[in-house]
Amino acid sequence: MPELPEVQTIVNDLRKFLPGLKIGNVQTDWEKMFLHPNFSKFKKEVIGEKILNIKRIGKNILIGLTGDKTILVHQKMTGHFLYGNWELKNGKWLSKNDDPIRSDPQNRFIHMVFDLSNGRQLALSDLRKFAKVLLCPTDKLNELEDIKNLGPDPTAKDFDFKKFKERLVGKKGKIKTVLMDQTVFAGIGNIYSDEILWLSGIHPLKPVPSLTQKELKTIFNSTKKILKRALEARGTSDSDYRDPCGKKGHYQEILYVYGLKGEKCQKNDGGVIQRIKVGSRSAHFCPVHQKLDLLPYSLKRDEILPKGEELR
């Protein structure tokens, strides 16, 4: 599933192409992706509207329109937006251009196409057809379940260590699971939680209440560093993700730990990367510098936070 760096890369690119263009038509072969309203009403509502802005909240892409309307798209597991030109042949959308959109097979699963006023098109490729589309009055966005329950964005300028700690108050789960909880922090998923914990030297199964002040600070700093690094690399294309021009990101070329089971740890500590299950997900870690400390929480109580900063 595209995570914060992948979604932000798409948003950054779409901001170069879309603002100021009008929507001339919308076509789909998978009406089930339109959750509210239904496709017929959605089409009537957006045709003729001008695109004002493109934003991201969590893993959601928001396309702001005139008429106080906003399109919300969650790309889910395999969805990604593409910007180009297509023609419908034998029931399938085929790219007209000889470019990565056409040559890369991951870009061929087109299920939604917007015709734009400059003669170009915005399409959604989604192999598994899990993506969802909503249309909402712009001033009601924060009332949507997809938005109102999200935690803060860890790349936001005002997201500091104090806010990071506050989000962990009362959390009793394993740190890997909590990092991926979208109600705690919006945008972190399986890939970057592994990368963050590897850089932090924290075992993915370590319970949140057992984390010391120093460990919390390390995880916070690692979160900022990893997400910045991934954004600069334009995301991870280990599977389906492509940018709006149909190209891969580059973070898969510089991964520290995710997907590297059986390889030597890049810290050169003698460790070999292991993969375990954490709930319904997987976790990759180095057993040497990410050891699991199983001391009872009570024995570490004074280490967790200084007096006056208890994490309850």
C-alpha atoms as a PDB file:
ATOM      1  CA  MET A   1       0.000   0.000   0.000  1.00  0.00           C
ATOM      2  CA  PRO A   2       1.317   3.494  -0.834  1.00  0.00           C
ATOM      3  CA  GLU A   3       2.422   5.187   2.385  1.00  0.00           C
ATOM      4  CA  LEU A   4       3.086   8.830   3.192  1.00  0.00           C
ATOM      5  CA  PRO A   5       6.161   9.285   0.935  1.00  0.00           C
ATOM      6  CA  GLU A   6       4.471   7.653  -2.067  1.00  0.00           C
ATOM      7  CA  VAL A   7       1.220   9.587  -1.658  1.00  0.00           C
ATOM      8  CA  GLN A   8       3.058  12.873  -1.112  1.00  0.00           C
ATOM      9  CA  THR A   9       5.163  12.269  -4.235  1.00  0.00           C
ATOM     10  CA  ILE A  10       1.984  11.773  -6.254  1.00  0.00           C
ATOM     11  CA  VAL A  11       0.467  14.932  -4.763  1.00  0.00           C
ATOM     12  CA  ASN A  12       3.605  16.961  -5.481  1.00  0.00           C
ATOM     13  CA  ASP A  13       3.571  15.853  -9.117  1.00  0.00           C
ATOM     14  CA  LEU A  14      -0.160  16.392  -9.622  1.00  0.00           C
ATOM     15  CA  ARG A  15       0.229  19.935  -8.290  1.00  0.00           C
ATOM     16  CA  LYS A  16       2.431  20.627 -11.324  1.00  0.00           C
ATOM     17  CA  PHE A  17      -0.188  19.399 -13.791  1.00  0.00           C
ATOM     18  CA  LEU A  18      -3.752  19.867 -12.551  1.00  0.00           C
ATOM     19  CA  PRO A  19      -4.556  23.235 -10.901  1.00  0.00           C
ATOM     20  CA  GLY A  20      -6.528  25.480 -13.232  1.00  0.00           C
ATOM     21  CA  LEU A  21      -7.812  22.660 -15.449  1.00  0.00           C
ATOM     22  CA  LYS A  22     -11.498  21.857 -15.833  1.00  0.00           C
ATOM     23  CA  ILE A  23     -12.979  18.362 -15.722  1.00  0.00           C
ATOM     24  CA  GLY A  24     -14.695  17.587 -19.024  1.00  0.00           C
ATOM     25  CA  ASN A  25     -15.777  14.006 -18.408  1.00  0.00           C
ATOM     26  CA  VAL A  26     -15.319  11.036 -16.072  1.00  0.00           C
ATOM     27  CA  GLN A  27     -15.356   7.382 -17.142  1.00  0.00           C
ATOM     28  CA  THR A  28     -15.064   4.153 -15.188  1.00  0.00           C
ATOM     29  CA  ASP A  29     -15.465   0.409 -15.578  1.00  0.00           C
ATOM     30  CA  TRP A  30     -15.667  -0.137 -11.809  1.00  0.00           C
ATOM     31  CA  GLU A  31     -18.483   1.877 -10.240  1.00  0.00           C
ATOM     32  CA  LYS A  32     -18.013   0.152  -6.878  1.00  0.00           C
ATOM     33  CA  MET A  33     -15.047   2.412  -6.114  1.00  0.00           C
ATOM     34  CA  PHE A  34     -17.424   5.384  -5.847  1.00  0.00           C
ATOM     35  CA  LEU A  35     -18.697   5.101  -2.291  1.00  0.00           C
ATOM     36  CA  HIS A  36     -20.528   8.424  -2.034  1.00  0.00           C
ATOM     37  CA  PRO A  37     -22.237   9.560  -4.074  1.00  0.00           C
ATOM     38  CA  ASN A  38     -22.787   6.849  -6.679  1.00  0.00           C
ATOM     39  CA  PHE A  39     -20.918   7.199  -9.957  1.00  0.00           C
ATOM     40  CA  SER A  40     -23.805   8.726 -11.899  1.00  0.00           C
ATOM     41  CA  LYS A  41     -24.236  11.539  -9.389  1.00  0.00           C
ATOM     42  CA  PHE A  42     -20.481  11.930  -8.915  1.00  0.00           C
ATOM     43  CA  LYS A  43     -20.049  12.450 -12.653  1.00  0.00           C
ATOM     44  CA  LYS A  44     -22.762  15.119 -12.798  1.00  0.00           C
ATOM     45  CA  GLU A  45     -21.306  16.921  -9.792  1.00  0.00           C
ATOM     46  CA  VAL A  46     -17.700  17.196 -11.036  1.00  0.00           C
ATOM     47  CA  ILE A  47     -18.069  17.807 -14.790  1.00  0.00           C
ATOM     48  CA  GLY A  48     -17.417  21.465 -15.532  1.00  0.00           C
ATOM     49  CA  GLU A  49     -15.680  22.166 -12.237  1.00  0.00           C
ATOM     50  CA  LYS A  50     -12.161  23.594 -12.142  1.00  0.00           C
ATOM     51  CA  ILE A  51      -9.382  21.942 -10.148  1.00  0.00           C
ATOM     52  CA  LEU A  52      -8.123  24.373  -7.516  1.00  0.00           C
ATOM     53  CA  ASN A  53      -5.610  22.421  -5.478  1.00  0.00           C
ATOM     54  CA  ILE A  54      -4.213  19.004  -4.581  1.00  0.00           C
ATOM     55  CA  LYS A  55      -3.585  18.068  -0.956  1.00  0.00           C
ATOM     56  CA  ARG A  56      -2.737  15.058   1.167  1.00  0.00           C
ATOM     57  CA  ILE A  57      -4.123  14.072   4.558  1.00  0.00           C
ATOM     58  CA  GLY A  58      -2.665  10.799   5.788  1.00  0.00           C
ATOM     59  CA  LYS A  59      -2.788   8.440   2.824  1.00  0.00           C
ATOM     60  CA  ASN A  60      -5.745  10.290   1.267  1.00  0.00           C
ATOM     61  CA  ILE A  61      -5.439  12.461  -1.844  1.00  0.00           C
ATOM     62  CA  LEU A  62      -7.765  15.472  -1.896  1.00  0.00           C
ATOM     63  CA  ILE A  63      -8.599  17.221  -5.167  1.00  0.00           C
ATOM     64  CA  GLY A  64     -10.191  20.577  -4.409  1.00  0.00           C
ATOM     65  CA  LEU A  65     -12.727  21.854  -6.958  1.00  0.00           C
ATOM     66  CA  THR A  66     -14.754  24.971  -7.563  1.00  0.00           C
ATOM     67  CA  GLY A  67     -18.309  24.807  -6.254  1.00  0.00           C
ATOM     68  CA  ASP A  68     -17.084  24.005  -2.719  1.00  0.00           C
ATOM     69  CA  LYS A  69     -16.415  20.379  -3.675  1.00  0.00           C
ATOM     70  CA  THR A  70     -13.517  18.065  -2.887  1.00  0.00           C
ATOM     71  CA  ILE A  71     -12.759  14.639  -4.340  1.00  0.00           C
ATOM     72  CA  LEU A  72     -11.180  12.269  -1.808  1.00  0.00           C
ATOM     73  CA  VAL A  73      -9.282   9.280  -3.187  1.00  0.00           C
ATOM     74  CA  HIS A  74      -7.675   6.571  -1.085  1.00  0.00           C
ATOM     75  CA  GLN A  75      -5.525   4.439  -3.384  1.00  0.00           C
ATOM     76  CA  LYS A  76      -5.573   1.472  -0.958  1.00  0.00           C
ATOM     77  CA  MET A  77      -3.308  -1.495  -1.788  1.00  0.00           C
ATOM     78  CA  THR A  78      -2.399  -1.089  -5.456  1.00  0.00           C
ATOM     79  CA  GLY A  79      -3.852   2.184  -6.722  1.00  0.00           C
ATOM     80  CA  HIS A  80      -1.859   5.050  -8.225  1.00  0.00           C
ATOM     81  CA  PHE A  81      -2.736   8.126 -10.277  1.00  0.00           C
ATOM     82  CA  LEU A  82      -1.312   8.593 -13.771  1.00  0.00           C
ATOM     83  CA  TYR A  83      -1.267  11.682 -15.994  1.00  0.00           C
ATOM     84  CA  GLY A  84      -1.312  11.086 -19.744  1.00  0.00           C
ATOM     85  CA  ASN A  85      -3.594  10.067 -22.611  1.00  0.00           C
ATOM     86  CA  TRP A  86      -5.521   6.843 -23.135  1.00  0.00           C
ATOM     87  CA  GLU A  87      -7.867   5.256 -25.643  1.00  0.00           C
ATOM     88  CA  LEU A  88     -10.426   2.558 -24.994  1.00  0.00           C
ATOM     89  CA  LYS A  89      -9.812  -0.606 -27.034  1.00  0.00           C
ATOM     90  CA  ASN A  90     -11.663  -3.869 -26.527  1.00  0.00           C
ATOM     91  CA  GLY A  91     -12.851  -2.761 -23.117  1.00  0.00           C
ATOM     92  CA  LYS A  92      -9.401  -1.725 -21.848  1.00  0.00           C
ATOM     93  CA  TRP A  93      -7.704   1.638 -21.528  1.00  0.00           C
ATOM     94  CA  LEU A  94      -4.410   1.745 -23.436  1.00  0.00           C
ATOM     95  CA  SER A  95      -1.843   4.535 -23.209  1.00  0.00           C
ATOM     96  CA  LYS A  96      -1.411   6.485 -26.436  1.00  0.00           C
ATOM     97  CA  ASN A  97       2.145   7.510 -25.627  1.00  0.00           C
ATOM     98  CA  ASP A  98       5.381   5.559 -25.885  1.00  0.00           C
ATOM     99  CA  ASP A  99       6.509   6.193 -22.319  1.00  0.00           C
ATOM    100  CA  PRO A 100       6.754   4.394 -18.930  1.00  0.00           C
ATOM    101  CA  ILE A 101       2.994   4.568 -18.531  1.00  0.00           C
ATOM    102  CA  ARG A 102       2.703   2.339 -21.582  1.00  0.00           C
ATOM    103  CA  SER A 103       5.780   0.151 -21.134  1.00  0.00           C
ATOM    104  CA  ASP A 104       5.429  -0.689 -17.428  1.00  0.00           C
ATOM    105  CA  PRO A 105       2.800  -3.425 -16.882  1.00  0.00           C
ATOM    106  CA  GLN A 106       1.960  -2.039 -13.428  1.00  0.00           C
ATOM    107  CA  ASN A 107       0.296   0.940 -15.148  1.00  0.00           C
ATOM    108  CA  ARG A 108      -2.192  -0.973 -17.264  1.00  0.00           C
ATOM    109  CA  PHE A 109      -5.020  -1.506 -14.746  1.00  0.00           C
ATOM    110  CA  ILE A 110      -6.981   1.656 -15.545  1.00  0.00           C
ATOM    111  CA  HIS A 111     -10.418   1.885 -13.914  1.00  0.00           C
ATOM    112  CA  MET A 112     -11.131   5.628 -13.762  1.00  0.00           C
ATOM    113  CA  VAL A 113     -10.328   8.391 -16.262  1.00  0.00           C
ATOM    114  CA  PHE A 114     -10.895  12.154 -15.981  1.00  0.00           C
ATOM    115  CA  ASP A 115     -10.841  14.123 -19.250  1.00  0.00           C
ATOM    116  CA  LEU A 116      -9.179  17.506 -18.671  1.00  0.00           C
ATOM    117  CA  SER A 117      -9.518  20.836 -20.451  1.00  0.00           C
ATOM    118  CA  ASN A 118      -5.925  20.786 -21.754  1.00  0.00           C
ATOM    119  CA  GLY A 119      -6.524  17.590 -23.724  1.00  0.00           C
ATOM    120  CA  ARG A 120      -4.760  15.388 -21.168  1.00  0.00           C
ATOM    121  CA  GLN A 121      -6.282  12.829 -18.819  1.00  0.00           C
ATOM    122  CA  LEU A 122      -5.938  11.842 -15.180  1.00  0.00           C
ATOM    123  CA  ALA A 123      -6.333   8.102 -14.646  1.00  0.00           C
ATOM    124  CA  LEU A 124      -6.299   5.701 -11.726  1.00  0.00           C
ATOM    125  CA  SER A 125      -4.561   2.354 -12.181  1.00  0.00           C
ATOM    126  CA  ASP A 126      -5.589  -0.194  -9.557  1.00  0.00           C
ATOM    127  CA  LEU A 127      -4.797  -3.882  -9.974  1.00  0.00           C
ATOM    128  CA  ARG A 128      -6.858  -5.108  -7.015  1.00  0.00           C
ATOM    129  CA  LYS A 129      -9.734  -2.626  -7.357  1.00  0.00           C
ATOM    130  CA  PHE A 130      -9.677  -1.660  -3.678  1.00  0.00           C
ATOM    131  CA  ALA A 131      -9.341   2.113  -4.203  1.00  0.00           C
ATOM    132  CA  LYS A 132     -12.218   4.278  -3.059  1.00  0.00           C
ATOM    133  CA  VAL A 133     -13.539   7.638  -4.224  1.00  0.00           C
ATOM    134  CA  LEU A 134     -15.727  10.115  -2.328  1.00  0.00           C
ATOM    135  CA  LEU A 135     -17.118  13.553  -3.147  1.00  0.00           C
ATOM    136  CA  CYS A 136     -17.672  15.889  -0.226  1.00  0.00           C
ATOM    137  CA  PRO A 137     -18.450  19.569   0.385  1.00  0.00           C
ATOM    138  CA  THR A 138     -15.063  21.124   1.074  1.00  0.00           C
ATOM    139  CA  ASP A 139     -16.181  22.630   4.380  1.00  0.00           C
ATOM    140  CA  LYS A 140     -17.375  19.202   5.584  1.00  0.00           C
ATOM    141  CA  LEU A 141     -14.115  17.332   4.934  1.00  0.00           C
ATOM    142  CA  ASN A 142     -13.117  17.181   8.580  1.00  0.00           C
ATOM    143  CA  GLU A 143     -16.380  15.405   9.381  1.00  0.00           C
ATOM    144  CA  LEU A 144     -15.528  12.419   7.165  1.00  0.00           C
ATOM    145  CA  GLU A 145     -14.574   9.221   9.000  1.00  0.00           C
ATOM    146  CA  ASP A 146     -11.553   8.971   6.686  1.00  0.00           C
ATOM    147  CA  ILE A 147     -10.251  12.300   7.999  1.00  0.00           C
ATOM    148  CA  LYS A 148     -11.510  13.039  11.502  1.00  0.00           C
ATOM    149  CA  ASN A 149     -10.040   9.933  13.135  1.00  0.00           C
ATOM    150  CA  LEU A 150      -6.532  10.365  11.719  1.00  0.00           C
ATOM    151  CA  GLY A 151      -3.565  11.126  13.923  1.00  0.00           C
ATOM    152  CA  PRO A 152      -1.141  13.973  13.172  1.00  0.00           C
ATOM    153  CA  ASP A 153       1.129  14.037  10.147  1.00  0.00           C
ATOM    154  CA  PRO A 154       4.686  13.151  11.234  1.00  0.00           C
ATOM    155  CA  THR A 155       6.149  15.360   8.482  1.00  0.00           C
ATOM    156  CA  ALA A 156       4.248  18.458   9.596  1.00  0.00           C
ATOM    157  CA  LYS A 157       6.421  21.387  10.693  1.00  0.00           C
ATOM    158  CA  ASP A 158       4.618  21.615  14.034  1.00  0.00           C
ATOM    159  CA  PHE A 159       4.966  17.898  14.792  1.00  0.00           C
ATOM    160  CA  ASP A 160       7.532  17.982  17.581  1.00  0.00           C
ATOM    161  CA  PHE A 161       8.730  15.534  20.221  1.00  0.00           C
ATOM    162  CA  LYS A 162       6.098  16.710  22.698  1.00  0.00           C
ATOM    163  CA  LYS A 163       3.281  15.883  20.263  1.00  0.00           C
ATOM    164  CA  PHE A 164       4.941  12.579  19.438  1.00  0.00           C
ATOM    165  CA  LYS A 165       4.950  11.561  23.114  1.00  0.00           C
ATOM    166  CA  GLU A 166       1.370  12.745  23.622  1.00  0.00           C
ATOM    167  CA  ARG A 167       0.161  10.413  20.870  1.00  0.00           C
ATOM    168  CA  LEU A 168       1.644   7.441  22.734  1.00  0.00           C
ATOM    169  CA  VAL A 169      -0.111   8.129  26.032  1.00  0.00           C
ATOM    170  CA  GLY A 170      -2.125   5.070  27.066  1.00  0.00           C
ATOM    171  CA  LYS A 171      -0.905   2.949  24.164  1.00  0.00           C
ATOM    172  CA  LYS A 172      -0.077  -0.567  25.320  1.00  0.00           C
ATOM    173  CA  GLY A 173       0.634  -2.267  22.016  1.00  0.00           C
ATOM    174  CA  LYS A 174       3.888  -3.211  20.361  1.00  0.00           C
ATOM    175  CA  ILE A 175       5.759  -0.261  18.902  1.00  0.00           C
ATOM    176  CA  LYS A 176       5.604  -1.556  15.299  1.00  0.00           C
ATOM    177  CA  THR A 177       1.813  -1.899  15.508  1.00  0.00           C
ATOM    178  CA  VAL A 178       1.351   1.496  17.147  1.00  0.00           C
ATOM    179  CA  LEU A 179       3.493   3.279  14.548  1.00  0.00           C
ATOM    180  CA  MET A 180       1.225   1.873  11.818  1.00  0.00           C
ATOM    181  CA  ASP A 181      -2.000   2.842  13.620  1.00  0.00           C
ATOM    182  CA  GLN A 182      -3.422   5.668  11.492  1.00  0.00           C
ATOM    183  CA  THR A 183      -5.284   7.112  14.488  1.00  0.00           C
ATOM    184  CA  VAL A 184      -1.914   7.585  16.223  1.00  0.00           C
ATOM    185  CA  PHE A 185       0.251   8.814  13.328  1.00  0.00           C
ATOM    186  CA  ALA A 186      -1.136   9.308   9.821  1.00  0.00           C
ATOM    187  CA  GLY A 187       0.815   7.901   6.891  1.00  0.00           C
ATOM    188  CA  ILE A 188       3.263   5.360   8.332  1.00  0.00           C
ATOM    189  CA  GLY A 189       2.802   1.769   7.158  1.00  0.00           C
ATOM    190  CA  ASN A 190       4.659  -1.515   6.983  1.00  0.00           C
ATOM    191  CA  ILE A 191       7.679  -0.335   5.015  1.00  0.00           C
ATOM    192  CA  TYR A 192       8.587   2.774   6.964  1.00  0.00           C
ATOM    193  CA  SER A 193       7.798   1.398  10.421  1.00  0.00           C
ATOM    194  CA  ASP A 194      10.448  -1.269   9.736  1.00  0.00           C
ATOM    195  CA  GLU A 195      12.908   1.345   8.502  1.00  0.00           C
ATOM    196  CA  ILE A 196      12.276   3.660  11.466  1.00  0.00           C
ATOM    197  CA  LEU A 197      12.769   0.916  14.047  1.00  0.00           C
ATOM    198  CA  TRP A 198      15.914  -0.386  12.339  1.00  0.00           C
ATOM    199  CA  LEU A 199      17.467   3.077  12.429  1.00  0.00           C
ATOM    200  CA  SER A 200      16.329   3.473  16.052  1.00  0.00           C
ATOM    201  CA  GLY A 201      17.723   0.116  17.165  1.00  0.00           C
ATOM    202  CA  ILE A 202      14.329  -0.843  18.629  1.00  0.00           C
ATOM    203  CA  HIS A 203      12.786  -4.317  18.327  1.00  0.00           C
ATOM    204  CA  PRO A 204       9.376  -4.209  16.567  1.00  0.00           C
ATOM    205  CA  LEU A 205       7.761  -6.253  19.361  1.00  0.00           C
ATOM    206  CA  LYS A 206       8.848  -3.919  22.156  1.00  0.00           C
ATOM    207  CA  PRO A 207       5.779  -2.727  24.123  1.00  0.00           C
ATOM    208  CA  VAL A 208       5.228   1.026  24.055  1.00  0.00           C
ATOM    209  CA  PRO A 209       4.983   1.356  27.881  1.00  0.00           C
ATOM    210  CA  SER A 210       8.504  -0.078  28.226  1.00  0.00           C
ATOM    211  CA  LEU A 211      10.156   2.537  26.021  1.00  0.00           C
ATOM    212  CA  THR A 212      12.567   4.875  27.787  1.00  0.00           C
ATOM    213  CA  GLN A 213      12.752   8.611  27.238  1.00  0.00           C
ATOM    214  CA  LYS A 214      15.925   8.128  25.227  1.00  0.00           C
ATOM    215  CA  GLU A 215      14.316   5.434  23.058  1.00  0.00           C
ATOM    216  CA  LEU A 216      11.267   7.605  22.415  1.00  0.00           C
ATOM    217  CA  LYS A 217      13.470  10.486  21.318  1.00  0.00           C
ATOM    218  CA  THR A 218      15.429   8.157  19.045  1.00  0.00           C
ATOM    219  CA  ILE A 219      12.249   6.842  17.403  1.00  0.00           C
ATOM    220  CA  PHE A 220      10.967  10.400  16.909  1.00  0.00           C
ATOM    221  CA  ASN A 221      14.208  11.518  15.249  1.00  0.00           C
ATOM    222  CA  SER A 222      14.357   8.364  13.121  1.00  0.00           C
ATOM    223  CA  THR A 223      10.780   8.933  11.949  1.00  0.00           C
ATOM    224  CA  LYS A 224      11.696  12.390  10.663  1.00  0.00           C
ATOM    225  CA  LYS A 225      14.904  11.136   9.021  1.00  0.00           C
ATOM    226  CA  ILE A 226      13.388   8.081   7.307  1.00  0.00           C
ATOM    227  CA  LEU A 227      10.364   9.906   5.906  1.00  0.00           C
ATOM    228  CA  LYS A 228      12.582  12.730   4.607  1.00  0.00           C
ATOM    229  CA  ARG A 229      14.914  10.185   3.004  1.00  0.00           C
ATOM    230  CA  ALA A 230      11.998   8.355   1.382  1.00  0.00           C
ATOM    231  CA  LEU A 231      10.453  11.576   0.082  1.00  0.00           C
ATOM    232  CA  GLU A 232      13.757  12.569  -1.502  1.00  0.00           C
ATOM    233  CA  ALA A 233      13.859   9.134  -3.171  1.00  0.00           C
ATOM    234  CA  ARG A 234      10.262   9.581  -4.421  1.00  0.00           C
ATOM    235  CA  GLY A 235       8.948   6.591  -2.507  1.00  0.00           C
ATOM    236  CA  THR A 236       9.338   2.825  -2.645  1.00  0.00           C
ATOM    237  CA  SER A 237       8.426   0.830  -5.769  1.00  0.00           C
ATOM    238  CA  ASP A 238       8.970  -2.658  -4.392  1.00  0.00           C
ATOM    239  CA  SER A 239       5.616  -3.645  -5.901  1.00  0.00           C
ATOM    240  CA  ASP A 240       2.857  -1.646  -7.616  1.00  0.00           C
ATOM    241  CA  TYR A 241       3.599   1.982  -6.800  1.00  0.00           C
ATOM    242  CA  ARG A 242       4.437   4.347  -9.675  1.00  0.00           C
ATOM    243  CA  ASP A 243       4.424   8.150  -9.895  1.00  0.00           C
ATOM    244  CA  PRO A 244       1.992  10.077 -12.162  1.00  0.00           C
ATOM    245  CA  CYS A 245       4.411   9.744 -15.086  1.00  0.00           C
ATOM    246  CA  GLY A 246       4.426   5.969 -14.642  1.00  0.00           C
ATOM    247  CA  LYS A 247       7.937   5.856 -13.190  1.00  0.00           C
ATOM    248  CA  LYS A 248       9.225   3.965 -10.169  1.00  0.00           C
ATOM    249  CA  GLY A 249      10.406   5.575  -6.962  1.00  0.00           C
ATOM    250  CA  HIS A 250      13.954   4.856  -5.789  1.00  0.00           C
ATOM    251  CA  TYR A 251      13.748   4.071  -2.081  1.00  0.00           C
ATOM    252  CA  GLN A 252      13.694   0.321  -2.783  1.00  0.00           C
ATOM    253  CA  GLU A 253      17.300   0.796  -3.925  1.00  0.00           C
ATOM    254  CA  ILE A 254      18.404   2.167  -0.528  1.00  0.00           C
ATOM    255  CA  LEU A 255      16.240   0.208   1.923  1.00  0.00           C
ATOM    256  CA  TYR A 256      17.884  -0.491   5.264  1.00  0.00           C
ATOM    257  CA  VAL A 257      15.837  -3.509   6.326  1.00  0.00           C
ATOM    258  CA  TYR A 258      12.359  -3.858   4.798  1.00  0.00           C
ATOM    259  CA  GLY A 259      12.150  -6.894   2.511  1.00  0.00           C
ATOM    260  CA  LEU A 260      15.790  -7.833   3.133  1.00  0.00           C
ATOM    261  CA  LYS A 261      15.276 -11.091   5.036  1.00  0.00           C
ATOM    262  CA  GLY A 262      18.456 -13.190   5.089  1.00  0.00           C
ATOM    263  CA  GLU A 263      20.779 -10.328   4.160  1.00  0.00           C
ATOM    264  CA  LYS A 264      23.561  -8.972   6.364  1.00  0.00           C
ATOM    265  CA  CYS A 265      22.624  -5.976   8.483  1.00  0.00           C
ATOM    266  CA  GLN A 266      23.951  -2.745   6.982  1.00  0.00           C
ATOM    267  CA  LYS A 267      25.300  -1.697  10.374  1.00  0.00           C
ATOM    268  CA  ASN A 268      27.929  -4.435   9.920  1.00  0.00           C
ATOM    269  CA  ASP A 269      27.172  -5.749  13.401  1.00  0.00           C
ATOM    270  CA  GLY A 270      27.178  -9.400  12.357  1.00  0.00           C
ATOM    271  CA  GLY A 271      23.392  -9.567  12.305  1.00  0.00           C
ATOM    272  CA  VAL A 272      21.302 -11.186   9.582  1.00  0.00           C
ATOM    273  CA  ILE A 273      17.904  -9.638   8.875  1.00  0.00           C
ATOM    274  CA  GLN A 274      14.968 -11.670  10.158  1.00  0.00           C
ATOM    275  CA  ARG A 275      11.282 -11.513   9.290  1.00  0.00           C
ATOM    276  CA  ILE A 276       8.505 -12.192  11.806  1.00  0.00           C
ATOM    277  CA  LYS A 277       4.746 -11.750  11.961  1.00  0.00           C
ATOM    278  CA  VAL A 278       3.342  -8.879  13.990  1.00  0.00           C
ATOM    279  CA  GLY A 279      -0.405  -9.299  14.037  1.00  0.00           C
ATOM    280  CA  SER A 280      -1.502  -9.617  10.416  1.00  0.00           C
ATOM    281  CA  ARG A 281       1.619  -7.851   9.128  1.00  0.00           C
ATOM    282  CA  SER A 282       5.307  -8.679   8.840  1.00  0.00           C
ATOM    283  CA  ALA A 283       8.311  -7.032  10.443  1.00  0.00           C
ATOM    284  CA  HIS A 284      11.961  -7.054   9.386  1.00  0.00           C
ATOM    285  CA  PHE A 285      14.687  -6.405  11.936  1.00  0.00           C
ATOM    286  CA  CYS A 286      18.282  -7.107  12.955  1.00  0.00           C
ATOM    287  CA  PRO A 287      18.503  -9.421  15.999  1.00  0.00           C
ATOM    288  CA  VAL A 288      21.859  -7.927  16.998  1.00  0.00           C
ATOM    289  CA  HIS A 289      21.206  -4.192  17.344  1.00  0.00           C
ATOM    290  CA  GLN A 290      17.417  -4.504  17.732  1.00  0.00           C
ATOM    291  CA  LYS A 291      17.318  -6.820  20.720  1.00  0.00           C
ATOM    292  CA  LEU A 292      14.059  -7.326  22.621  1.00  0.00           C
ATOM    293  CA  ASP A 293      14.422  -6.236  26.247  1.00  0.00           C
ATOM    294  CA  LEU A 294      11.987  -8.350  28.253  1.00  0.00           C
ATOM    295  CA  LEU A 295      12.603  -6.738  31.653  1.00  0.00           C
ATOM    296  CA  PRO A 296       9.348  -6.106  33.551  1.00  0.00           C
ATOM    297  CA  TYR A 297       8.073  -2.582  32.999  1.00  0.00           C
ATOM    298  CA  SER A 298       8.261  -1.904  36.768  1.00  0.00           C
ATOM    299  CA  LEU A 299      12.042  -2.397  36.758  1.00  0.00           C
ATOM    300  CA  LYS A 300      12.392   0.268  34.073  1.00  0.00           C
ATOM    301  CA  ARG A 301       9.829   2.698  35.456  1.00  0.00           C
ATOM    302  CA  ASP A 302      12.345   5.418  36.327  1.00  0.00           C
ATOM    303  CA  GLU A 303      13.871   5.179  32.852  1.00  0.00           C
ATOM    304  CA  ILE A 304      10.655   5.675  30.931  1.00  0.00           C
ATOM    305  CA  LEU A 305      10.220   9.401  31.502  1.00  0.00           C
ATOM    306  CA  PRO A 306      11.527  11.948  33.988  1.00  0.00           C
ATOM    307  CA  LYS A 307       9.222  13.010  36.811  1.00  0.00           C
ATOM    308  CA  GLY A 308       6.417  15.232  35.620  1.00  0.00           C
ATOM    309  CA  GLU A 309       6.438  13.629  32.165  1.00  0.00           C
ATOM    310  CA  GLU A 310       4.817  10.302  32.889  1.00  0.00           C
ATOM    311  CA  LEU A 311       3.532   8.430  29.863  1.00  0.00           C
ATOM    312  CA  ARG A 312       0.258   6.986  31.165  1.00  0.00           C
END
